[in-house]
Amino acid sequence: MSFLGTELPAMEAAVAARDRDYFEEAMGRMLDFSGSWGFKSQDNPALVRFPMCTEAVSDFLVVGMCRIMTTADGCEPGLAARFNANLQKCRELASRQ
């Protein structure tokens, strides 16, 4: 949640300003973060218990870009709702830790 806690306000500002440059830079930060935690390589089997958090980290940039580019191919109708549900579950889990 610390990663998303930092990135989500910045993403909201970028969406409001229609600043696409933010997303390119944030992609690098997200890839660095997810790589250090072993998201893609299965280096961290403990993450299996937290799919709502890994999915929220993986989806937040797409959700933000879809708010700017509403007709893009990757903008599935249920993506934002799924992201919000995963984010809420991740927040709840983090608050119990």
PDB file of N, CA and C in Angstrom:
ATOM      1  N   MET A   1       0.818  -1.192   0.000  1.00  0.00           N
ATOM      2  CA  MET A   1       0.000   0.000   0.000  1.00  0.00           C
ATOM      3  C   MET A   1       0.860   1.254   0.000  1.00  0.00           C
ATOM      4  N   SER A   2       2.074   1.157   0.499  1.00  0.00           N
ATOM      5  CA  SER A   2       2.902   2.368   0.512  1.00  0.00           C
ATOM      6  C   SER A   2       3.200   2.837  -0.915  1.00  0.00           C
ATOM      7  N   PHE A   3       3.431   1.907  -1.826  1.00  0.00           N
ATOM      8  CA  PHE A   3       3.670   2.280  -3.218  1.00  0.00           C
ATOM      9  C   PHE A   3       2.435   2.963  -3.808  1.00  0.00           C
ATOM     10  N   LEU A   4       1.289   2.340  -3.659  1.00  0.00           N
ATOM     11  CA  LEU A   4       0.059   2.919  -4.203  1.00  0.00           C
ATOM     12  C   LEU A   4      -0.312   4.210  -3.481  1.00  0.00           C
ATOM     13  N   GLY A   5      -0.037   4.288  -2.203  1.00  0.00           N
ATOM     14  CA  GLY A   5      -0.326   5.502  -1.458  1.00  0.00           C
ATOM     15  C   GLY A   5       0.422   6.706  -1.997  1.00  0.00           C
ATOM     16  N   THR A   6       1.607   6.467  -2.522  1.00  0.00           N
ATOM     17  CA  THR A   6       2.398   7.537  -3.128  1.00  0.00           C
ATOM     18  C   THR A   6       1.950   7.804  -4.561  1.00  0.00           C
ATOM     19  N   GLU A   7       1.726   6.751  -5.314  1.00  0.00           N
ATOM     20  CA  GLU A   7       1.434   6.892  -6.740  1.00  0.00           C
ATOM     21  C   GLU A   7       0.008   7.351  -7.045  1.00  0.00           C
ATOM     22  N   LEU A   8      -0.970   6.911  -6.275  1.00  0.00           N
ATOM     23  CA  LEU A   8      -2.353   7.249  -6.614  1.00  0.00           C
ATOM     24  C   LEU A   8      -2.634   8.757  -6.598  1.00  0.00           C
ATOM     25  N   PRO A   9      -2.173   9.510  -5.594  1.00  0.00           N
ATOM     26  CA  PRO A   9      -2.401  10.968  -5.664  1.00  0.00           C
ATOM     27  C   PRO A   9      -1.704  11.607  -6.871  1.00  0.00           C
ATOM     28  N   ALA A  10      -0.508  11.131  -7.190  1.00  0.00           N
ATOM     29  CA  ALA A  10       0.204  11.654  -8.361  1.00  0.00           C
ATOM     30  C   ALA A  10      -0.550  11.297  -9.642  1.00  0.00           C
ATOM     31  N   MET A  11      -1.111  10.093  -9.688  1.00  0.00           N
ATOM     32  CA  MET A  11      -1.880   9.695 -10.860  1.00  0.00           C
ATOM     33  C   MET A  11      -3.136  10.546 -10.987  1.00  0.00           C
ATOM     34  N   GLU A  12      -3.805  10.802  -9.883  1.00  0.00           N
ATOM     35  CA  GLU A  12      -5.014  11.645  -9.919  1.00  0.00           C
ATOM     36  C   GLU A  12      -4.691  13.030 -10.470  1.00  0.00           C
ATOM     37  N   ALA A  13      -3.568  13.589 -10.037  1.00  0.00           N
ATOM     38  CA  ALA A  13      -3.151  14.897 -10.548  1.00  0.00           C
ATOM     39  C   ALA A  13      -2.851  14.830 -12.038  1.00  0.00           C
ATOM     40  N   ALA A  14      -2.207  13.754 -12.467  1.00  0.00           N
ATOM     41  CA  ALA A  14      -1.892  13.590 -13.887  1.00  0.00           C
ATOM     42  C   ALA A  14      -3.162  13.451 -14.720  1.00  0.00           C
ATOM     43  N   VAL A  15      -4.134  12.711 -14.215  1.00  0.00           N
ATOM     44  CA  VAL A  15      -5.406  12.554 -14.931  1.00  0.00           C
ATOM     45  C   VAL A  15      -6.090  13.912 -15.046  1.00  0.00           C
ATOM     46  N   ALA A  16      -6.122  14.666 -13.955  1.00  0.00           N
ATOM     47  CA  ALA A  16      -6.764  15.985 -13.971  1.00  0.00           C
ATOM     48  C   ALA A  16      -6.080  16.927 -14.964  1.00  0.00           C
ATOM     49  N   ALA A  17      -4.749  16.824 -15.054  1.00  0.00           N
ATOM     50  CA  ALA A  17      -3.984  17.679 -15.959  1.00  0.00           C
ATOM     51  C   ALA A  17      -3.857  17.073 -17.364  1.00  0.00           C
ATOM     52  N   ARG A  18      -4.382  15.865 -17.526  1.00  0.00           N
ATOM     53  CA  ARG A  18      -4.253  15.119 -18.785  1.00  0.00           C
ATOM     54  C   ARG A  18      -2.783  14.995 -19.192  1.00  0.00           C
ATOM     55  N   ASP A  19      -1.968  14.698 -18.189  1.00  0.00           N
ATOM     56  CA  ASP A  19      -0.512  14.597 -18.329  1.00  0.00           C
ATOM     57  C   ASP A  19      -0.119  13.149 -18.599  1.00  0.00           C
ATOM     58  N   ARG A  20       0.102  12.820 -19.844  1.00  0.00           N
ATOM     59  CA  ARG A  20       0.464  11.455 -20.212  1.00  0.00           C
ATOM     60  C   ARG A  20       1.909  11.129 -19.842  1.00  0.00           C
ATOM     61  N   ASP A  21       2.750  12.141 -19.686  1.00  0.00           N
ATOM     62  CA  ASP A  21       4.150  11.904 -19.327  1.00  0.00           C
ATOM     63  C   ASP A  21       4.273  11.200 -17.975  1.00  0.00           C
ATOM     64  N   TYR A  22       3.388  11.526 -17.050  1.00  0.00           N
ATOM     65  CA  TYR A  22       3.414  10.872 -15.735  1.00  0.00           C
ATOM     66  C   TYR A  22       3.389   9.349 -15.899  1.00  0.00           C
ATOM     67  N   PHE A  23       2.560   8.854 -16.797  1.00  0.00           N
ATOM     68  CA  PHE A  23       2.355   7.416 -16.934  1.00  0.00           C
ATOM     69  C   PHE A  23       3.604   6.691 -17.416  1.00  0.00           C
ATOM     70  N   GLU A  24       4.371   7.330 -18.274  1.00  0.00           N
ATOM     71  CA  GLU A  24       5.615   6.712 -18.735  1.00  0.00           C
ATOM     72  C   GLU A  24       6.604   6.582 -17.586  1.00  0.00           C
ATOM     73  N   GLU A  25       6.747   7.641 -16.805  1.00  0.00           N
ATOM     74  CA  GLU A  25       7.665   7.602 -15.662  1.00  0.00           C
ATOM     75  C   GLU A  25       7.166   6.644 -14.586  1.00  0.00           C
ATOM     76  N   ALA A  26       5.859   6.651 -14.339  1.00  0.00           N
ATOM     77  CA  ALA A  26       5.279   5.774 -13.315  1.00  0.00           C
ATOM     78  C   ALA A  26       5.400   4.306 -13.713  1.00  0.00           C
ATOM     79  N   MET A  27       5.372   4.029 -14.999  1.00  0.00           N
ATOM     80  CA  MET A  27       5.533   2.644 -15.461  1.00  0.00           C
ATOM     81  C   MET A  27       6.891   2.118 -15.021  1.00  0.00           C
ATOM     82  N   GLY A  28       7.921   2.913 -15.159  1.00  0.00           N
ATOM     83  CA  GLY A  28       9.251   2.500 -14.717  1.00  0.00           C
ATOM     84  C   GLY A  28       9.286   2.239 -13.218  1.00  0.00           C
ATOM     85  N   ARG A  29       8.658   3.124 -12.443  1.00  0.00           N
ATOM     86  CA  ARG A  29       8.624   2.929 -10.987  1.00  0.00           C
ATOM     87  C   ARG A  29       7.843   1.673 -10.620  1.00  0.00           C
ATOM     88  N   MET A  30       6.734   1.438 -11.322  1.00  0.00           N
ATOM     89  CA  MET A  30       5.923   0.254 -11.045  1.00  0.00           C
ATOM     90  C   MET A  30       6.687  -1.019 -11.394  1.00  0.00           C
ATOM     91  N   LEU A  31       7.388  -1.017 -12.518  1.00  0.00           N
ATOM     92  CA  LEU A  31       8.162  -2.197 -12.898  1.00  0.00           C
ATOM     93  C   LEU A  31       9.304  -2.450 -11.922  1.00  0.00           C
ATOM     94  N   ASP A  32       9.969  -1.397 -11.476  1.00  0.00           N
ATOM     95  CA  ASP A  32      11.025  -1.551 -10.475  1.00  0.00           C
ATOM     96  C   ASP A  32      10.462  -2.121  -9.177  1.00  0.00           C
ATOM     97  N   PHE A  33       9.342  -1.559  -8.733  1.00  0.00           N
ATOM     98  CA  PHE A  33       8.710  -2.020  -7.498  1.00  0.00           C
ATOM     99  C   PHE A  33       8.278  -3.480  -7.619  1.00  0.00           C
ATOM    100  N   SER A  34       7.559  -3.798  -8.687  1.00  0.00           N
ATOM    101  CA  SER A  34       7.061  -5.167  -8.825  1.00  0.00           C
ATOM    102  C   SER A  34       8.204  -6.154  -9.031  1.00  0.00           C
ATOM    103  N   GLY A  35       9.261  -5.728  -9.707  1.00  0.00           N
ATOM    104  CA  GLY A  35      10.423  -6.598  -9.868  1.00  0.00           C
ATOM    105  C   GLY A  35      11.115  -6.881  -8.546  1.00  0.00           C
ATOM    106  N   SER A  36      11.201  -5.869  -7.695  1.00  0.00           N
ATOM    107  CA  SER A  36      11.868  -6.058  -6.404  1.00  0.00           C
ATOM    108  C   SER A  36      11.081  -6.985  -5.486  1.00  0.00           C
ATOM    109  N   TRP A  37       9.773  -7.088  -5.715  1.00  0.00           N
ATOM    110  CA  TRP A  37       8.934  -7.976  -4.908  1.00  0.00           C
ATOM    111  C   TRP A  37       8.702  -9.326  -5.568  1.00  0.00           C
ATOM    112  N   GLY A  38       9.195  -9.513  -6.779  1.00  0.00           N
ATOM    113  CA  GLY A  38       9.044 -10.800  -7.447  1.00  0.00           C
ATOM    114  C   GLY A  38       7.656 -11.064  -7.975  1.00  0.00           C
ATOM    115  N   PHE A  39       6.952 -10.037  -8.432  1.00  0.00           N
ATOM    116  CA  PHE A  39       5.592 -10.207  -8.959  1.00  0.00           C
ATOM    117  C   PHE A  39       5.551 -11.171 -10.131  1.00  0.00           C
ATOM    118  N   LYS A  40       6.374 -10.956 -11.113  1.00  0.00           N
ATOM    119  CA  LYS A  40       6.278 -11.709 -12.364  1.00  0.00           C
ATOM    120  C   LYS A  40       7.073 -13.003 -12.351  1.00  0.00           C
ATOM    121  N   SER A  41       8.164 -13.010 -11.643  1.00  0.00           N
ATOM    122  CA  SER A  41       9.053 -14.172 -11.712  1.00  0.00           C
ATOM    123  C   SER A  41       8.724 -15.237 -10.671  1.00  0.00           C
ATOM    124  N   GLN A  42       7.708 -15.003  -9.887  1.00  0.00           N
ATOM    125  CA  GLN A  42       7.320 -15.941  -8.833  1.00  0.00           C
ATOM    126  C   GLN A  42       8.420 -16.097  -7.789  1.00  0.00           C
ATOM    127  N   ASP A  43       9.298 -15.081  -7.682  1.00  0.00           N
ATOM    128  CA  ASP A  43      10.376 -15.131  -6.699  1.00  0.00           C
ATOM    129  C   ASP A  43       9.878 -15.002  -5.266  1.00  0.00           C
ATOM    130  N   ASN A  44       8.666 -14.548  -5.095  1.00  0.00           N
ATOM    131  CA  ASN A  44       8.145 -14.332  -3.760  1.00  0.00           C
ATOM    132  C   ASN A  44       6.827 -15.094  -3.596  1.00  0.00           C
ATOM    133  N   PRO A  45       6.898 -16.362  -3.204  1.00  0.00           N
ATOM    134  CA  PRO A  45       5.670 -17.158  -3.076  1.00  0.00           C
ATOM    135  C   PRO A  45       4.710 -16.618  -2.019  1.00  0.00           C
ATOM    136  N   ALA A  46       5.207 -15.765  -1.107  1.00  0.00           N
ATOM    137  CA  ALA A  46       4.319 -15.186  -0.095  1.00  0.00           C
ATOM    138  C   ALA A  46       3.270 -14.277  -0.727  1.00  0.00           C
ATOM    139  N   LEU A  47       3.531 -13.765  -1.916  1.00  0.00           N
ATOM    140  CA  LEU A  47       2.578 -12.875  -2.571  1.00  0.00           C
ATOM    141  C   LEU A  47       1.334 -13.598  -3.069  1.00  0.00           C
ATOM    142  N   VAL A  48       1.391 -14.904  -3.147  1.00  0.00           N
ATOM    143  CA  VAL A  48       0.235 -15.681  -3.600  1.00  0.00           C
ATOM    144  C   VAL A  48      -0.974 -15.395  -2.716  1.00  0.00           C
ATOM    145  N   ARG A  49      -0.738 -15.097  -1.455  1.00  0.00           N
ATOM    146  CA  ARG A  49      -1.829 -14.806  -0.510  1.00  0.00           C
ATOM    147  C   ARG A  49      -2.413 -13.414  -0.702  1.00  0.00           C
ATOM    148  N   PHE A  50      -1.782 -12.570  -1.528  1.00  0.00           N
ATOM    149  CA  PHE A  50      -2.199 -11.179  -1.650  1.00  0.00           C
ATOM    150  C   PHE A  50      -2.481 -10.766  -3.098  1.00  0.00           C
ATOM    151  N   PRO A  51      -3.275 -11.557  -3.823  1.00  0.00           N
ATOM    152  CA  PRO A  51      -3.512 -11.211  -5.232  1.00  0.00           C
ATOM    153  C   PRO A  51      -4.206  -9.868  -5.399  1.00  0.00           C
ATOM    154  N   MET A  52      -5.019  -9.478  -4.427  1.00  0.00           N
ATOM    155  CA  MET A  52      -5.715  -8.203  -4.552  1.00  0.00           C
ATOM    156  C   MET A  52      -4.725  -7.039  -4.585  1.00  0.00           C
ATOM    157  N   CYS A  53      -3.624  -7.181  -3.877  1.00  0.00           N
ATOM    158  CA  CYS A  53      -2.616  -6.114  -3.850  1.00  0.00           C
ATOM    159  C   CYS A  53      -1.754  -6.129  -5.107  1.00  0.00           C
ATOM    160  N   THR A  54      -1.323  -7.304  -5.525  1.00  0.00           N
ATOM    161  CA  THR A  54      -0.493  -7.362  -6.732  1.00  0.00           C
ATOM    162  C   THR A  54      -1.297  -6.935  -7.962  1.00  0.00           C
ATOM    163  N   GLU A  55      -2.569  -7.290  -8.005  1.00  0.00           N
ATOM    164  CA  GLU A  55      -3.405  -6.879  -9.131  1.00  0.00           C
ATOM    165  C   GLU A  55      -3.653  -5.377  -9.116  1.00  0.00           C
ATOM    166  N   ALA A  56      -3.832  -4.790  -7.936  1.00  0.00           N
ATOM    167  CA  ALA A  56      -4.026  -3.339  -7.846  1.00  0.00           C
ATOM    168  C   ALA A  56      -2.784  -2.607  -8.342  1.00  0.00           C
ATOM    169  N   VAL A  57      -1.609  -3.074  -7.954  1.00  0.00           N
ATOM    170  CA  VAL A  57      -0.372  -2.452  -8.423  1.00  0.00           C
ATOM    171  C   VAL A  57      -0.253  -2.615  -9.934  1.00  0.00           C
ATOM    172  N   SER A  58      -0.582  -3.774 -10.440  1.00  0.00           N
ATOM    173  CA  SER A  58      -0.463  -4.039 -11.875  1.00  0.00           C
ATOM    174  C   SER A  58      -1.468  -3.237 -12.699  1.00  0.00           C
ATOM    175  N   ASP A  59      -2.630  -2.944 -12.148  1.00  0.00           N
ATOM    176  CA  ASP A  59      -3.709  -2.312 -12.916  1.00  0.00           C
ATOM    177  C   ASP A  59      -3.806  -0.796 -12.784  1.00  0.00           C
ATOM    178  N   PHE A  60      -3.176  -0.188 -11.780  1.00  0.00           N
ATOM    179  CA  PHE A  60      -3.462   1.218 -11.513  1.00  0.00           C
ATOM    180  C   PHE A  60      -3.115   2.140 -12.679  1.00  0.00           C
ATOM    181  N   LEU A  61      -2.045   1.864 -13.396  1.00  0.00           N
ATOM    182  CA  LEU A  61      -1.673   2.730 -14.515  1.00  0.00           C
ATOM    183  C   LEU A  61      -2.654   2.609 -15.684  1.00  0.00           C
ATOM    184  N   VAL A  62      -3.103   1.401 -15.946  1.00  0.00           N
ATOM    185  CA  VAL A  62      -4.068   1.204 -17.034  1.00  0.00           C
ATOM    186  C   VAL A  62      -5.374   1.921 -16.693  1.00  0.00           C
ATOM    187  N   VAL A  63      -5.804   1.799 -15.454  1.00  0.00           N
ATOM    188  CA  VAL A  63      -7.033   2.465 -15.023  1.00  0.00           C
ATOM    189  C   VAL A  63      -6.901   3.979 -15.197  1.00  0.00           C
ATOM    190  N   GLY A  64      -5.765   4.527 -14.805  1.00  0.00           N
ATOM    191  CA  GLY A  64      -5.549   5.964 -14.958  1.00  0.00           C
ATOM    192  C   GLY A  64      -5.526   6.396 -16.413  1.00  0.00           C
ATOM    193  N   MET A  65      -4.801   5.646 -17.243  1.00  0.00           N
ATOM    194  CA  MET A  65      -4.751   5.985 -18.670  1.00  0.00           C
ATOM    195  C   MET A  65      -6.133   5.885 -19.307  1.00  0.00           C
ATOM    196  N   CYS A  66      -6.921   4.942 -18.862  1.00  0.00           N
ATOM    197  CA  CYS A  66      -8.265   4.794 -19.424  1.00  0.00           C
ATOM    198  C   CYS A  66      -9.159   5.974 -19.054  1.00  0.00           C
ATOM    199  N   ARG A  67      -8.817   6.669 -18.014  1.00  0.00           N
ATOM    200  CA  ARG A  67      -9.584   7.868 -17.664  1.00  0.00           C
ATOM    201  C   ARG A  67      -9.240   9.029 -18.592  1.00  0.00           C
ATOM    202  N   ILE A  68      -8.066   8.975 -19.210  1.00  0.00           N
ATOM    203  CA  ILE A  68      -7.674   9.996 -20.179  1.00  0.00           C
ATOM    204  C   ILE A  68      -8.068   9.570 -21.587  1.00  0.00           C
ATOM    205  N   MET A  69      -7.788   8.317 -21.911  1.00  0.00           N
ATOM    206  CA  MET A  69      -8.035   7.782 -23.258  1.00  0.00           C
ATOM    207  C   MET A  69      -9.164   6.761 -23.184  1.00  0.00           C
ATOM    208  N   THR A  70     -10.359   7.218 -23.084  1.00  0.00           N
ATOM    209  CA  THR A  70     -11.500   6.341 -22.803  1.00  0.00           C
ATOM    210  C   THR A  70     -11.803   5.337 -23.895  1.00  0.00           C
ATOM    211  N   THR A  71     -11.309   5.552 -25.096  1.00  0.00           N
ATOM    212  CA  THR A  71     -11.620   4.624 -26.190  1.00  0.00           C
ATOM    213  C   THR A  71     -10.487   3.659 -26.496  1.00  0.00           C
ATOM    214  N   ALA A  72      -9.435   3.639 -25.688  1.00  0.00           N
ATOM    215  CA  ALA A  72      -8.303   2.733 -25.928  1.00  0.00           C
ATOM    216  C   ALA A  72      -8.755   1.279 -25.816  1.00  0.00           C
ATOM    217  N   ASP A  73      -8.106   0.411 -26.585  1.00  0.00           N
ATOM    218  CA  ASP A  73      -8.485  -1.009 -26.632  1.00  0.00           C
ATOM    219  C   ASP A  73      -8.415  -1.702 -25.274  1.00  0.00           C
ATOM    220  N   GLY A  74      -7.443  -1.352 -24.450  1.00  0.00           N
ATOM    221  CA  GLY A  74      -7.266  -2.026 -23.168  1.00  0.00           C
ATOM    222  C   GLY A  74      -8.229  -1.577 -22.086  1.00  0.00           C
ATOM    223  N   CYS A  75      -9.116  -0.655 -22.405  1.00  0.00           N
ATOM    224  CA  CYS A  75     -10.033  -0.100 -21.404  1.00  0.00           C
ATOM    225  C   CYS A  75     -11.305  -0.929 -21.322  1.00  0.00           C
ATOM    226  N   GLU A  76     -11.202  -2.028 -20.611  1.00  0.00           N
ATOM    227  CA  GLU A  76     -12.350  -2.915 -20.424  1.00  0.00           C
ATOM    228  C   GLU A  76     -13.372  -2.240 -19.512  1.00  0.00           C
ATOM    229  N   PRO A  77     -14.644  -2.459 -19.749  1.00  0.00           N
ATOM    230  CA  PRO A  77     -15.678  -1.821 -18.934  1.00  0.00           C
ATOM    231  C   PRO A  77     -15.561  -2.123 -17.430  1.00  0.00           C
ATOM    232  N   GLY A  78     -15.148  -3.311 -17.058  1.00  0.00           N
ATOM    233  CA  GLY A  78     -15.089  -3.684 -15.644  1.00  0.00           C
ATOM    234  C   GLY A  78     -13.751  -3.430 -14.977  1.00  0.00           C
ATOM    235  N   LEU A  79     -12.777  -2.911 -15.714  1.00  0.00           N
ATOM    236  CA  LEU A  79     -11.430  -2.755 -15.161  1.00  0.00           C
ATOM    237  C   LEU A  79     -11.395  -1.822 -13.959  1.00  0.00           C
ATOM    238  N   ALA A  80     -12.024  -0.661 -14.056  1.00  0.00           N
ATOM    239  CA  ALA A  80     -11.991   0.306 -12.954  1.00  0.00           C
ATOM    240  C   ALA A  80     -12.667  -0.265 -11.708  1.00  0.00           C
ATOM    241  N   ALA A  81     -13.789  -0.932 -11.895  1.00  0.00           N
ATOM    242  CA  ALA A  81     -14.491  -1.517 -10.746  1.00  0.00           C
ATOM    243  C   ALA A  81     -13.653  -2.615 -10.098  1.00  0.00           C
ATOM    244  N   ARG A  82     -12.998  -3.445 -10.918  1.00  0.00           N
ATOM    245  CA  ARG A  82     -12.139  -4.505 -10.378  1.00  0.00           C
ATOM    246  C   ARG A  82     -10.953  -3.894  -9.630  1.00  0.00           C
ATOM    247  N   PHE A  83     -10.355  -2.863 -10.211  1.00  0.00           N
ATOM    248  CA  PHE A  83      -9.250  -2.183  -9.547  1.00  0.00           C
ATOM    249  C   PHE A  83      -9.691  -1.615  -8.202  1.00  0.00           C
ATOM    250  N   ASN A  84     -10.814  -0.916  -8.180  1.00  0.00           N
ATOM    251  CA  ASN A  84     -11.295  -0.322  -6.925  1.00  0.00           C
ATOM    252  C   ASN A  84     -11.585  -1.380  -5.870  1.00  0.00           C
ATOM    253  N   ALA A  85     -12.146  -2.497  -6.274  1.00  0.00           N
ATOM    254  CA  ALA A  85     -12.423  -3.581  -5.323  1.00  0.00           C
ATOM    255  C   ALA A  85     -11.119  -4.164  -4.789  1.00  0.00           C
ATOM    256  N   ASN A  86     -10.137  -4.400  -5.660  1.00  0.00           N
ATOM    257  CA  ASN A  86      -8.838  -4.922  -5.216  1.00  0.00           C
ATOM    258  C   ASN A  86      -8.127  -3.924  -4.313  1.00  0.00           C
ATOM    259  N   LEU A  87      -8.200  -2.651  -4.661  1.00  0.00           N
ATOM    260  CA  LEU A  87      -7.563  -1.623  -3.847  1.00  0.00           C
ATOM    261  C   LEU A  87      -8.177  -1.582  -2.447  1.00  0.00           C
ATOM    262  N   GLN A  88      -9.500  -1.653  -2.374  1.00  0.00           N
ATOM    263  CA  GLN A  88     -10.170  -1.640  -1.074  1.00  0.00           C
ATOM    264  C   GLN A  88      -9.779  -2.867  -0.243  1.00  0.00           C
ATOM    265  N   LYS A  89      -9.746  -4.038  -0.862  1.00  0.00           N
ATOM    266  CA  LYS A  89      -9.352  -5.257  -0.143  1.00  0.00           C
ATOM    267  C   LYS A  89      -7.901  -5.167   0.317  1.00  0.00           C
ATOM    268  N   CYS A  90      -7.037  -4.616  -0.504  1.00  0.00           N
ATOM    269  CA  CYS A  90      -5.642  -4.462  -0.136  1.00  0.00           C
ATOM    270  C   CYS A  90      -5.492  -3.491   1.030  1.00  0.00           C
ATOM    271  N   ARG A  91      -6.234  -2.382   0.982  1.00  0.00           N
ATOM    272  CA  ARG A  91      -6.209  -1.416   2.100  1.00  0.00           C
ATOM    273  C   ARG A  91      -6.672  -2.071   3.395  1.00  0.00           C
ATOM    274  N   GLU A  92      -7.740  -2.846   3.311  1.00  0.00           N
ATOM    275  CA  GLU A  92      -8.255  -3.530   4.499  1.00  0.00           C
ATOM    276  C   GLU A  92      -7.214  -4.498   5.058  1.00  0.00           C
ATOM    277  N   LEU A  93      -6.574  -5.235   4.188  1.00  0.00           N
ATOM    278  CA  LEU A  93      -5.547  -6.179   4.607  1.00  0.00           C
ATOM    279  C   LEU A  93      -4.375  -5.444   5.250  1.00  0.00           C
ATOM    280  N   ALA A  94      -3.945  -4.353   4.638  1.00  0.00           N
ATOM    281  CA  ALA A  94      -2.820  -3.578   5.169  1.00  0.00           C
ATOM    282  C   ALA A  94      -3.143  -2.983   6.529  1.00  0.00           C
ATOM    283  N   SER A  95      -4.380  -2.599   6.736  1.00  0.00           N
ATOM    284  CA  SER A  95      -4.750  -1.992   8.020  1.00  0.00           C
ATOM    285  C   SER A  95      -4.736  -3.026   9.150  1.00  0.00           C
ATOM    286  N   ARG A  96      -4.856  -4.301   8.806  1.00  0.00           N
ATOM    287  CA  ARG A  96      -4.834  -5.363   9.825  1.00  0.00           C
ATOM    288  C   ARG A  96      -3.409  -5.814  10.143  1.00  0.00           C
ATOM    289  N   GLN A  97      -2.447  -5.462   9.314  1.00  0.00           N
ATOM    290  CA  GLN A  97      -1.070  -5.911   9.506  1.00  0.00           C
ATOM    291  C   GLN A  97      -0.349  -5.109  10.561  1.00  0.00           C
TER     292      GLN A  97
END
